[in-house]
All heavy atoms as atom14 arrays in JSON, in Angstrom:
{
  "sequence": "YRIALSLWPDYASAHNNLGTLLTDPREAEHHFQVTISVNPLHARAY",
  "atom14_mask": [
    [1, 1, 1, 1, 1, 1, 1, 1, 1, 1, 1, 1, 0, 0],
    [1, 1, 1, 1, 1, 1, 1, 1, 1, 1, 1, 0, 0, 0],
    [1, 1, 1, 1, 1, 1, 1, 1, 0, 0, 0, 0, 0, 0],
    [1, 1, 1, 1, 1, 0, 0, 0, 0, 0, 0, 0, 0, 0],
    [1, 1, 1, 1, 1, 1, 1, 1, 0, 0, 0, 0, 0, 0],
    [1, 1, 1, 1, 1, 1, 0, 0, 0, 0, 0, 0, 0, 0],
    [1, 1, 1, 1, 1, 1, 1, 1, 0, 0, 0, 0, 0, 0],
    [1, 1, 1, 1, 1, 1, 1, 1, 1, 1, 1, 1, 1, 1],
    [1, 1, 1, 1, 1, 1, 1, 0, 0, 0, 0, 0, 0, 0],
    [1, 1, 1, 1, 1, 1, 1, 1, 0, 0, 0, 0, 0, 0],
    [1, 1, 1, 1, 1, 1, 1, 1, 1, 1, 1, 1, 0, 0],
    [1, 1, 1, 1, 1, 0, 0, 0, 0, 0, 0, 0, 0, 0],
    [1, 1, 1, 1, 1, 1, 0, 0, 0, 0, 0, 0, 0, 0],
    [1, 1, 1, 1, 1, 0, 0, 0, 0, 0, 0, 0, 0, 0],
    [1, 1, 1, 1, 1, 1, 1, 1, 1, 1, 0, 0, 0, 0],
    [1, 1, 1, 1, 1, 1, 1, 1, 0, 0, 0, 0, 0, 0],
    [1, 1, 1, 1, 1, 1, 1, 1, 0, 0, 0, 0, 0, 0],
    [1, 1, 1, 1, 1, 1, 1, 1, 0, 0, 0, 0, 0, 0],
    [1, 1, 1, 1, 0, 0, 0, 0, 0, 0, 0, 0, 0, 0],
    [1, 1, 1, 1, 1, 1, 1, 0, 0, 0, 0, 0, 0, 0],
    [1, 1, 1, 1, 1, 1, 1, 1, 0, 0, 0, 0, 0, 0],
    [1, 1, 1, 1, 1, 1, 1, 1, 0, 0, 0, 0, 0, 0],
    [1, 1, 1, 1, 1, 1, 1, 0, 0, 0, 0, 0, 0, 0],
    [1, 1, 1, 1, 1, 1, 1, 1, 0, 0, 0, 0, 0, 0],
    [1, 1, 1, 1, 1, 1, 1, 0, 0, 0, 0, 0, 0, 0],
    [1, 1, 1, 1, 1, 1, 1, 1, 1, 1, 1, 0, 0, 0],
    [1, 1, 1, 1, 1, 1, 1, 1, 1, 0, 0, 0, 0, 0],
    [1, 1, 1, 1, 1, 0, 0, 0, 0, 0, 0, 0, 0, 0],
    [1, 1, 1, 1, 1, 1, 1, 1, 1, 0, 0, 0, 0, 0],
    [1, 1, 1, 1, 1, 1, 1, 1, 1, 1, 0, 0, 0, 0],
    [1, 1, 1, 1, 1, 1, 1, 1, 1, 1, 0, 0, 0, 0],
    [1, 1, 1, 1, 1, 1, 1, 1, 1, 1, 1, 0, 0, 0],
    [1, 1, 1, 1, 1, 1, 1, 1, 1, 0, 0, 0, 0, 0],
    [1, 1, 1, 1, 1, 1, 1, 0, 0, 0, 0, 0, 0, 0],
    [1, 1, 1, 1, 1, 1, 1, 0, 0, 0, 0, 0, 0, 0],
    [1, 1, 1, 1, 1, 1, 1, 1, 0, 0, 0, 0, 0, 0],
    [1, 1, 1, 1, 1, 1, 0, 0, 0, 0, 0, 0, 0, 0],
    [1, 1, 1, 1, 1, 1, 1, 0, 0, 0, 0, 0, 0, 0],
    [1, 1, 1, 1, 1, 1, 1, 1, 0, 0, 0, 0, 0, 0],
    [1, 1, 1, 1, 1, 1, 1, 0, 0, 0, 0, 0, 0, 0],
    [1, 1, 1, 1, 1, 1, 1, 1, 0, 0, 0, 0, 0, 0],
    [1, 1, 1, 1, 1, 1, 1, 1, 1, 1, 0, 0, 0, 0],
    [1, 1, 1, 1, 1, 0, 0, 0, 0, 0, 0, 0, 0, 0],
    [1, 1, 1, 1, 1, 1, 1, 1, 1, 1, 1, 0, 0, 0],
    [1, 1, 1, 1, 1, 0, 0, 0, 0, 0, 0, 0, 0, 0],
    [1, 1, 1, 1, 1, 1, 1, 1, 1, 1, 1, 1, 0, 0]
  ],
  "atom14_positions": [
    [[-3.34, -4.94, -8.97], [-3.16, -4.61, -7.56], [-4.48, -4.08, -6.98], [-4.86, -4.41, -5.85], [-2.06, -3.56, -7.37], [-0.65, -4.08, -7.48], [0.3, -3.42, -8.26], [-0.24, -5.22, -6.77], [1.6, -3.89, -8.35], [1.06, -5.69, -6.86], [1.97, -5.03, -7.66], [3.26, -5.5, -7.74], [0.0, 0.0, 0.0], [0.0, 0.0, 0.0]],
    [[-5.15, -3.26, -7.76], [-6.43, -2.7, -7.28], [-7.48, -3.82, -7.11], [-8.26, -3.8, -6.15], [-6.94, -1.64, -8.25], [-6.09, -0.35, -8.28], [-6.85, 0.77, -8.94], [-6.0, 1.92, -9.25], [-5.65, 2.86, -8.36], [-6.04, 2.74, -7.1], [-4.91, 3.88, -8.73], [0.0, 0.0, 0.0], [0.0, 0.0, 0.0], [0.0, 0.0, 0.0]],
    [[-7.5, -4.77, -8.04], [-8.44, -5.88, -7.91], [-8.11, -6.69, -6.64], [-9.0, -7.06, -5.86], [-8.4, -6.79, -9.15], [-8.92, -6.05, -10.38], [-9.23, -8.05, -8.92], [-8.75, -6.8, -11.69], [0.0, 0.0, 0.0], [0.0, 0.0, 0.0], [0.0, 0.0, 0.0], [0.0, 0.0, 0.0], [0.0, 0.0, 0.0], [0.0, 0.0, 0.0]],
    [[-6.81, -6.94, -6.42], [-6.39, -7.67, -5.22], [-6.87, -6.96, -3.96], [-7.37, -7.61, -3.02], [-4.87, -7.83, -5.21], [0.0, 0.0, 0.0], [0.0, 0.0, 0.0], [0.0, 0.0, 0.0], [0.0, 0.0, 0.0], [0.0, 0.0, 0.0], [0.0, 0.0, 0.0], [0.0, 0.0, 0.0], [0.0, 0.0, 0.0], [0.0, 0.0, 0.0]],
    [[-6.76, -5.63, -3.95], [-7.16, -4.86, -2.77], [-8.68, -4.81, -2.61], [-9.19, -4.71, -1.49], [-6.57, -3.45, -2.84], [-5.05, -3.39, -2.63], [-4.52, -2.0, -2.95], [-4.69, -3.78, -1.2], [0.0, 0.0, 0.0], [0.0, 0.0, 0.0], [0.0, 0.0, 0.0], [0.0, 0.0, 0.0], [0.0, 0.0, 0.0], [0.0, 0.0, 0.0]],
    [[-9.4, -4.87, -3.72], [-10.87, -4.91, -3.62], [-11.32, -6.22, -3.0], [-12.35, -6.29, -2.32], [-11.51, -4.73, -5.01], [-11.31, -5.88, -5.82], [0.0, 0.0, 0.0], [0.0, 0.0, 0.0], [0.0, 0.0, 0.0], [0.0, 0.0, 0.0], [0.0, 0.0, 0.0], [0.0, 0.0, 0.0], [0.0, 0.0, 0.0], [0.0, 0.0, 0.0]],
    [[-10.52, -7.28, -3.2], [-10.84, -8.59, -2.64], [-10.29, -8.75, -1.21], [-10.85, -9.5, -0.41], [-10.26, -9.69, -3.54], [-10.84, -9.77, -4.96], [-9.99, -10.67, -5.83], [-12.29, -10.26, -4.91], [0.0, 0.0, 0.0], [0.0, 0.0, 0.0], [0.0, 0.0, 0.0], [0.0, 0.0, 0.0], [0.0, 0.0, 0.0], [0.0, 0.0, 0.0]],
    [[-9.19, -8.05, -0.93], [-8.55, -8.14, 0.39], [-8.02, -6.74, 0.75], [-6.87, -6.42, 0.51], [-7.42, -9.17, 0.35], [-6.72, -9.4, 1.65], [-7.02, -8.9, 2.88], [-5.56, -10.23, 1.85], [-6.16, -9.33, 3.82], [-5.26, -10.17, 3.24], [-4.79, -11.03, 1.01], [-4.18, -10.87, 3.77], [-3.73, -11.72, 1.56], [-3.42, -11.63, 2.92]],
    [[-8.86, -5.88, 1.35], [-8.5, -4.47, 1.61], [-7.28, -4.28, 2.5], [-6.64, -3.24, 2.44], [-9.76, -3.9, 2.27], [-10.86, -4.78, 1.78], [-10.26, -6.15, 1.68], [0.0, 0.0, 0.0], [0.0, 0.0, 0.0], [0.0, 0.0, 0.0], [0.0, 0.0, 0.0], [0.0, 0.0, 0.0], [0.0, 0.0, 0.0], [0.0, 0.0, 0.0]],
    [[-6.95, -5.26, 3.33], [-5.8, -5.13, 4.24], [-4.56, -5.88, 3.74], [-3.69, -6.27, 4.52], [-6.17, -5.65, 5.63], [-7.11, -4.71, 6.36], [-7.21, -3.54, 5.95], [-7.76, -5.15, 7.33], [0.0, 0.0, 0.0], [0.0, 0.0, 0.0], [0.0, 0.0, 0.0], [0.0, 0.0, 0.0], [0.0, 0.0, 0.0], [0.0, 0.0, 0.0]],
    [[-4.45, -6.05, 2.45], [-3.31, -6.75, 1.86], [-2.13, -5.76, 1.81], [-1.97, -4.97, 0.89], [-3.68, -7.24, 0.46], [-2.81, -8.35, -0.1], [-3.29, -9.14, -1.15], [-1.52, -8.6, 0.37], [-2.52, -10.17, -1.69], [-0.76, -9.61, -0.16], [-1.25, -10.4, -1.19], [-0.49, -11.4, -1.72], [0.0, 0.0, 0.0], [0.0, 0.0, 0.0]],
    [[-1.3, -5.84, 2.84], [-0.24, -4.83, 3.03], [0.7, -4.73, 1.83], [0.99, -3.63, 1.34], [0.54, -5.15, 4.3], [0.0, 0.0, 0.0], [0.0, 0.0, 0.0], [0.0, 0.0, 0.0], [0.0, 0.0, 0.0], [0.0, 0.0, 0.0], [0.0, 0.0, 0.0], [0.0, 0.0, 0.0], [0.0, 0.0, 0.0], [0.0, 0.0, 0.0]],
    [[1.22, -5.85, 1.36], [2.19, -5.81, 0.27], [1.59, -5.29, -1.03], [2.27, -4.64, -1.83], [2.79, -7.2, 0.06], [3.58, -7.56, 1.16], [0.0, 0.0, 0.0], [0.0, 0.0, 0.0], [0.0, 0.0, 0.0], [0.0, 0.0, 0.0], [0.0, 0.0, 0.0], [0.0, 0.0, 0.0], [0.0, 0.0, 0.0], [0.0, 0.0, 0.0]],
    [[0.3, -5.55, -1.23], [-0.36, -5.02, -2.42], [-0.46, -3.5, -2.34], [-0.26, -2.8, -3.34], [-1.75, -5.64, -2.58], [0.0, 0.0, 0.0], [0.0, 0.0, 0.0], [0.0, 0.0, 0.0], [0.0, 0.0, 0.0], [0.0, 0.0, 0.0], [0.0, 0.0, 0.0], [0.0, 0.0, 0.0], [0.0, 0.0, 0.0], [0.0, 0.0, 0.0]],
    [[-0.79, -2.98, -1.15], [-0.81, -1.52, -0.96], [0.57, -0.93, -1.25], [0.7, 0.08, -1.96], [-1.22, -1.18, 0.48], [-2.69, -1.21, 0.74], [-3.55, -0.26, 0.22], [-3.45, -2.06, 1.45], [-4.79, -0.53, 0.62], [-4.76, -1.62, 1.36], [0.0, 0.0, 0.0], [0.0, 0.0, 0.0], [0.0, 0.0, 0.0], [0.0, 0.0, 0.0]],
    [[1.61, -1.55, -0.69], [2.97, -1.03, -0.88], [3.38, -1.04, -2.34], [3.87, -0.03, -2.87], [3.95, -1.86, -0.05], [5.38, -1.4, -0.23], [5.75, -0.32, 0.21], [6.18, -2.2, -0.91], [0.0, 0.0, 0.0], [0.0, 0.0, 0.0], [0.0, 0.0, 0.0], [0.0, 0.0, 0.0], [0.0, 0.0, 0.0], [0.0, 0.0, 0.0]],
    [[3.18, -2.16, -3.02], [3.61, -2.27, -4.41], [2.81, -1.35, -5.32], [3.35, -0.78, -6.27], [3.5, -3.71, -4.89], [4.55, -4.61, -4.25], [5.23, -4.19, -3.32], [4.67, -5.83, -4.71], [0.0, 0.0, 0.0], [0.0, 0.0, 0.0], [0.0, 0.0, 0.0], [0.0, 0.0, 0.0], [0.0, 0.0, 0.0], [0.0, 0.0, 0.0]],
    [[1.52, -1.2, -5.04], [0.71, -0.26, -5.81], [1.24, 1.16, -5.65], [1.37, 1.91, -6.62], [-0.75, -0.34, -5.37], [-1.72, 0.67, -6.0], [-1.75, 0.52, -7.51], [-3.12, 0.51, -5.42], [0.0, 0.0, 0.0], [0.0, 0.0, 0.0], [0.0, 0.0, 0.0], [0.0, 0.0, 0.0], [0.0, 0.0, 0.0], [0.0, 0.0, 0.0]],
    [[1.6, 1.52, -4.41], [2.13, 2.87, -4.16], [3.35, 3.2, -4.98], [3.54, 4.34, -5.42], [0.0, 0.0, 0.0], [0.0, 0.0, 0.0], [0.0, 0.0, 0.0], [0.0, 0.0, 0.0], [0.0, 0.0, 0.0], [0.0, 0.0, 0.0], [0.0, 0.0, 0.0], [0.0, 0.0, 0.0], [0.0, 0.0, 0.0], [0.0, 0.0, 0.0]],
    [[4.2, 2.21, -5.23], [5.43, 2.46, -6.0], [5.15, 2.77, -7.46], [6.02, 3.32, -8.15], [6.39, 1.25, -5.93], [5.77, 0.12, -6.55], [6.75, 0.92, -4.49], [0.0, 0.0, 0.0], [0.0, 0.0, 0.0], [0.0, 0.0, 0.0], [0.0, 0.0, 0.0], [0.0, 0.0, 0.0], [0.0, 0.0, 0.0], [0.0, 0.0, 0.0]],
    [[3.96, 2.42, -7.96], [3.65, 2.62, -9.38], [2.82, 3.86, -9.66], [2.69, 4.28, -10.8], [2.9, 1.4, -9.93], [3.64, 0.07, -9.91], [2.76, -1.04, -10.48], [4.94, 0.15, -10.7], [0.0, 0.0, 0.0], [0.0, 0.0, 0.0], [0.0, 0.0, 0.0], [0.0, 0.0, 0.0], [0.0, 0.0, 0.0], [0.0, 0.0, 0.0]],
    [[2.24, 4.45, -8.61], [1.32, 5.57, -8.81], [2.06, 6.87, -9.06], [3.09, 7.14, -8.44], [0.41, 5.71, -7.59], [-0.51, 4.5, -7.33], [-1.21, 4.65, -5.99], [-1.54, 4.36, -8.45], [0.0, 0.0, 0.0], [0.0, 0.0, 0.0], [0.0, 0.0, 0.0], [0.0, 0.0, 0.0], [0.0, 0.0, 0.0], [0.0, 0.0, 0.0]],
    [[1.53, 7.69, -9.95], [2.15, 8.99, -10.25], [1.65, 10.09, -9.33], [2.3, 11.13, -9.21], [1.86, 9.38, -11.71], [0.44, 9.38, -11.93], [2.52, 8.42, -12.68], [0.0, 0.0, 0.0], [0.0, 0.0, 0.0], [0.0, 0.0, 0.0], [0.0, 0.0, 0.0], [0.0, 0.0, 0.0], [0.0, 0.0, 0.0], [0.0, 0.0, 0.0]],
    [[0.51, 9.89, -8.7], [-0.03, 10.88, -7.76], [0.62, 10.65, -6.4], [0.37, 9.64, -5.74], [-1.55, 10.72, -7.65], [-2.18, 11.74, -6.71], [-1.44, 12.39, -5.95], [-3.42, 11.88, -6.72], [0.0, 0.0, 0.0], [0.0, 0.0, 0.0], [0.0, 0.0, 0.0], [0.0, 0.0, 0.0], [0.0, 0.0, 0.0], [0.0, 0.0, 0.0]],
    [[1.48, 11.58, -5.93], [2.21, 11.35, -4.68], [1.29, 11.21, -3.47], [1.59, 10.48, -2.53], [3.12, 12.58, -4.56], [2.55, 13.6, -5.47], [1.86, 12.85, -6.56], [0.0, 0.0, 0.0], [0.0, 0.0, 0.0], [0.0, 0.0, 0.0], [0.0, 0.0, 0.0], [0.0, 0.0, 0.0], [0.0, 0.0, 0.0], [0.0, 0.0, 0.0]],
    [[0.15, 11.91, -3.49], [-0.76, 11.81, -2.34], [-1.39, 10.42, -2.25], [-1.52, 9.86, -1.17], [-1.85, 12.87, -2.44], [-1.35, 14.29, -2.18], [-2.42, 15.32, -2.47], [-2.83, 15.28, -3.88], [-3.73, 16.1, -4.39], [-4.35, 16.99, -3.64], [-4.04, 16.02, -5.68], [0.0, 0.0, 0.0], [0.0, 0.0, 0.0], [0.0, 0.0, 0.0]],
    [[-1.76, 9.86, -3.41], [-2.33, 8.51, -3.41], [-1.27, 7.48, -3.03], [-1.54, 6.53, -2.29], [-2.94, 8.19, -4.77], [-3.77, 6.92, -4.76], [-4.36, 6.55, -6.12], [-4.13, 7.3, -7.1], [-5.0, 5.49, -6.2], [0.0, 0.0, 0.0], [0.0, 0.0, 0.0], [0.0, 0.0, 0.0], [0.0, 0.0, 0.0], [0.0, 0.0, 0.0]],
    [[-0.06, 7.67, -3.55], [1.04, 6.76, -3.2], [1.29, 6.79, -1.69], [1.43, 5.74, -1.04], [2.3, 7.14, -3.96], [0.0, 0.0, 0.0], [0.0, 0.0, 0.0], [0.0, 0.0, 0.0], [0.0, 0.0, 0.0], [0.0, 0.0, 0.0], [0.0, 0.0, 0.0], [0.0, 0.0, 0.0], [0.0, 0.0, 0.0], [0.0, 0.0, 0.0]],
    [[1.34, 8.0, -1.12], [1.55, 8.15, 0.32], [0.47, 7.42, 1.11], [0.76, 6.74, 2.11], [1.55, 9.64, 0.67], [1.78, 9.92, 2.15], [1.73, 11.41, 2.46], [1.3, 12.2, 1.58], [2.11, 11.79, 3.58], [0.0, 0.0, 0.0], [0.0, 0.0, 0.0], [0.0, 0.0, 0.0], [0.0, 0.0, 0.0], [0.0, 0.0, 0.0]],
    [[-0.77, 7.56, 0.66], [-1.89, 6.88, 1.34], [-1.66, 5.36, 1.39], [-1.83, 4.74, 2.45], [-3.21, 7.18, 0.6], [-4.33, 6.27, 0.96], [-5.0, 6.35, 2.18], [-4.89, 5.22, 0.29], [-5.92, 5.39, 2.23], [-5.88, 4.7, 1.1], [0.0, 0.0, 0.0], [0.0, 0.0, 0.0], [0.0, 0.0, 0.0], [0.0, 0.0, 0.0]],
    [[-1.26, 4.78, 0.27], [-1.08, 3.33, 0.23], [0.11, 2.88, 1.08], [0.05, 1.82, 1.73], [-0.94, 2.85, -1.22], [-2.24, 2.82, -1.95], [-3.2, 1.86, -1.74], [-2.77, 3.67, -2.88], [-4.25, 2.09, -2.51], [-4.01, 3.18, -3.21], [0.0, 0.0, 0.0], [0.0, 0.0, 0.0], [0.0, 0.0, 0.0], [0.0, 0.0, 0.0]],
    [[1.19, 3.66, 1.12], [2.31, 3.31, 1.99], [1.9, 3.39, 3.47], [2.29, 2.54, 4.28], [3.5, 4.24, 1.74], [4.1, 4.13, 0.35], [4.56, 5.26, -0.32], [4.22, 2.9, -0.27], [5.1, 5.17, -1.59], [4.77, 2.78, -1.55], [5.21, 3.94, -2.2], [0.0, 0.0, 0.0], [0.0, 0.0, 0.0], [0.0, 0.0, 0.0]],
    [[1.12, 4.41, 3.79], [0.67, 4.56, 5.18], [-0.27, 3.44, 5.6], [-0.21, 2.95, 6.73], [0.0, 5.92, 5.37], [1.0, 7.08, 5.37], [0.33, 8.44, 5.42], [-0.85, 8.58, 5.07], [1.07, 9.45, 5.85], [0.0, 0.0, 0.0], [0.0, 0.0, 0.0], [0.0, 0.0, 0.0], [0.0, 0.0, 0.0], [0.0, 0.0, 0.0]],
    [[-1.14, 3.02, 4.67], [-2.02, 1.88, 4.96], [-1.19, 0.63, 5.2], [-1.46, -0.15, 6.11], [-3.04, 1.65, 3.82], [-3.81, 0.34, 4.04], [-4.02, 2.81, 3.72], [0.0, 0.0, 0.0], [0.0, 0.0, 0.0], [0.0, 0.0, 0.0], [0.0, 0.0, 0.0], [0.0, 0.0, 0.0], [0.0, 0.0, 0.0], [0.0, 0.0, 0.0]],
    [[-0.16, 0.45, 4.39], [0.73, -0.71, 4.57], [1.28, -0.74, 5.99], [1.26, -1.79, 6.65], [1.91, -0.64, 3.56], [1.41, -0.55, 2.24], [2.8, -1.87, 3.69], [0.0, 0.0, 0.0], [0.0, 0.0, 0.0], [0.0, 0.0, 0.0], [0.0, 0.0, 0.0], [0.0, 0.0, 0.0], [0.0, 0.0, 0.0], [0.0, 0.0, 0.0]],
    [[1.76, 0.41, 6.46], [2.36, 0.48, 7.8], [1.3, 0.28, 8.88], [1.57, -0.36, 9.91], [3.09, 1.83, 7.97], [4.35, 1.85, 7.08], [3.46, 2.08, 9.43], [4.98, 3.21, 6.94], [0.0, 0.0, 0.0], [0.0, 0.0, 0.0], [0.0, 0.0, 0.0], [0.0, 0.0, 0.0], [0.0, 0.0, 0.0], [0.0, 0.0, 0.0]],
    [[0.1, 0.8, 8.65], [-0.96, 0.61, 9.66], [-1.35, -0.86, 9.78], [-1.66, -1.35, 10.86], [-2.19, 1.46, 9.31], [-2.82, 0.97, 8.14], [0.0, 0.0, 0.0], [0.0, 0.0, 0.0], [0.0, 0.0, 0.0], [0.0, 0.0, 0.0], [0.0, 0.0, 0.0], [0.0, 0.0, 0.0], [0.0, 0.0, 0.0], [0.0, 0.0, 0.0]],
    [[-1.32, -1.58, 8.66], [-1.64, -3.02, 8.66], [-0.46, -3.83, 9.2], [-0.63, -4.77, 9.98], [-2.01, -3.5, 7.24], [-2.2, -5.02, 7.22], [-3.28, -2.81, 6.76], [0.0, 0.0, 0.0], [0.0, 0.0, 0.0], [0.0, 0.0, 0.0], [0.0, 0.0, 0.0], [0.0, 0.0, 0.0], [0.0, 0.0, 0.0], [0.0, 0.0, 0.0]],
    [[0.75, -3.43, 8.77], [1.97, -4.15, 9.17], [3.03, -3.14, 9.61], [3.81, -2.65, 8.79], [2.49, -5.01, 8.01], [3.76, -5.76, 8.38], [4.23, -5.69, 9.52], [4.33, -6.48, 7.42], [0.0, 0.0, 0.0], [0.0, 0.0, 0.0], [0.0, 0.0, 0.0], [0.0, 0.0, 0.0], [0.0, 0.0, 0.0], [0.0, 0.0, 0.0]],
    [[3.07, -2.81, 10.9], [4.02, -1.79, 11.4], [5.48, -2.15, 11.22], [6.35, -1.31, 11.44], [3.66, -1.68, 12.89], [2.28, -2.23, 13.01], [2.2, -3.31, 11.97], [0.0, 0.0, 0.0], [0.0, 0.0, 0.0], [0.0, 0.0, 0.0], [0.0, 0.0, 0.0], [0.0, 0.0, 0.0], [0.0, 0.0, 0.0], [0.0, 0.0, 0.0]],
    [[5.78, -3.37, 10.82], [7.17, -3.8, 10.62], [7.5, -3.99, 9.14], [8.44, -4.71, 8.79], [7.44, -5.09, 11.38], [7.29, -5.0, 12.91], [7.56, -6.34, 13.56], [8.25, -3.95, 13.48], [0.0, 0.0, 0.0], [0.0, 0.0, 0.0], [0.0, 0.0, 0.0], [0.0, 0.0, 0.0], [0.0, 0.0, 0.0], [0.0, 0.0, 0.0]],
    [[6.74, -3.33, 8.26], [6.97, -3.44, 6.81], [8.07, -2.44, 6.42], [7.82, -1.28, 6.12], [5.68, -3.15, 6.05], [5.66, -3.67, 4.64], [6.53, -3.22, 3.67], [4.89, -4.62, 4.04], [6.28, -3.85, 2.54], [5.29, -4.72, 2.73], [0.0, 0.0, 0.0], [0.0, 0.0, 0.0], [0.0, 0.0, 0.0], [0.0, 0.0, 0.0]],
    [[9.33, -2.92, 6.44], [10.49, -2.03, 6.24], [10.44, -1.3, 4.91], [10.77, -0.12, 4.82], [11.79, -2.83, 6.34], [0.0, 0.0, 0.0], [0.0, 0.0, 0.0], [0.0, 0.0, 0.0], [0.0, 0.0, 0.0], [0.0, 0.0, 0.0], [0.0, 0.0, 0.0], [0.0, 0.0, 0.0], [0.0, 0.0, 0.0], [0.0, 0.0, 0.0]],
    [[10.02, -2.0, 3.86], [10.04, -1.38, 2.53], [9.02, -0.25, 2.42], [9.24, 0.71, 1.68], [9.83, -2.43, 1.45], [10.11, -1.89, 0.04], [10.43, -2.99, -0.93], [11.75, -3.55, -0.75], [12.85, -3.02, -1.26], [12.8, -1.91, -1.98], [14.02, -3.6, -1.08], [0.0, 0.0, 0.0], [0.0, 0.0, 0.0], [0.0, 0.0, 0.0]],
    [[7.91, -0.33, 3.14], [6.93, 0.76, 3.11], [7.53, 2.02, 3.75], [7.32, 3.13, 3.26], [5.65, 0.35, 3.82], [0.0, 0.0, 0.0], [0.0, 0.0, 0.0], [0.0, 0.0, 0.0], [0.0, 0.0, 0.0], [0.0, 0.0, 0.0], [0.0, 0.0, 0.0], [0.0, 0.0, 0.0], [0.0, 0.0, 0.0], [0.0, 0.0, 0.0]],
    [[8.27, 1.83, 4.87], [8.95, 2.98, 5.48], [9.98, 3.56, 4.5], [10.12, 4.78, 4.37], [9.66, 2.56, 6.77], [8.73, 2.33, 7.94], [8.31, 1.05, 8.28], [8.28, 3.39, 8.72], [7.46, 0.83, 9.36], [7.43, 3.19, 9.8], [7.02, 1.91, 10.1], [6.18, 1.7, 11.17], [0.0, 0.0, 0.0], [0.0, 0.0, 0.0]]
  ]
}
């Protein structure tokens, strides 16, 4: 997921799916918020 994001920083679904696997809640929150900023209609990120 991190490699995908290094190649495409605005890949919303990659941000969301990465967030679900991270143990650091602050980092997970960051990736979910990026998902929403890229795609405001991403229901699963909300």
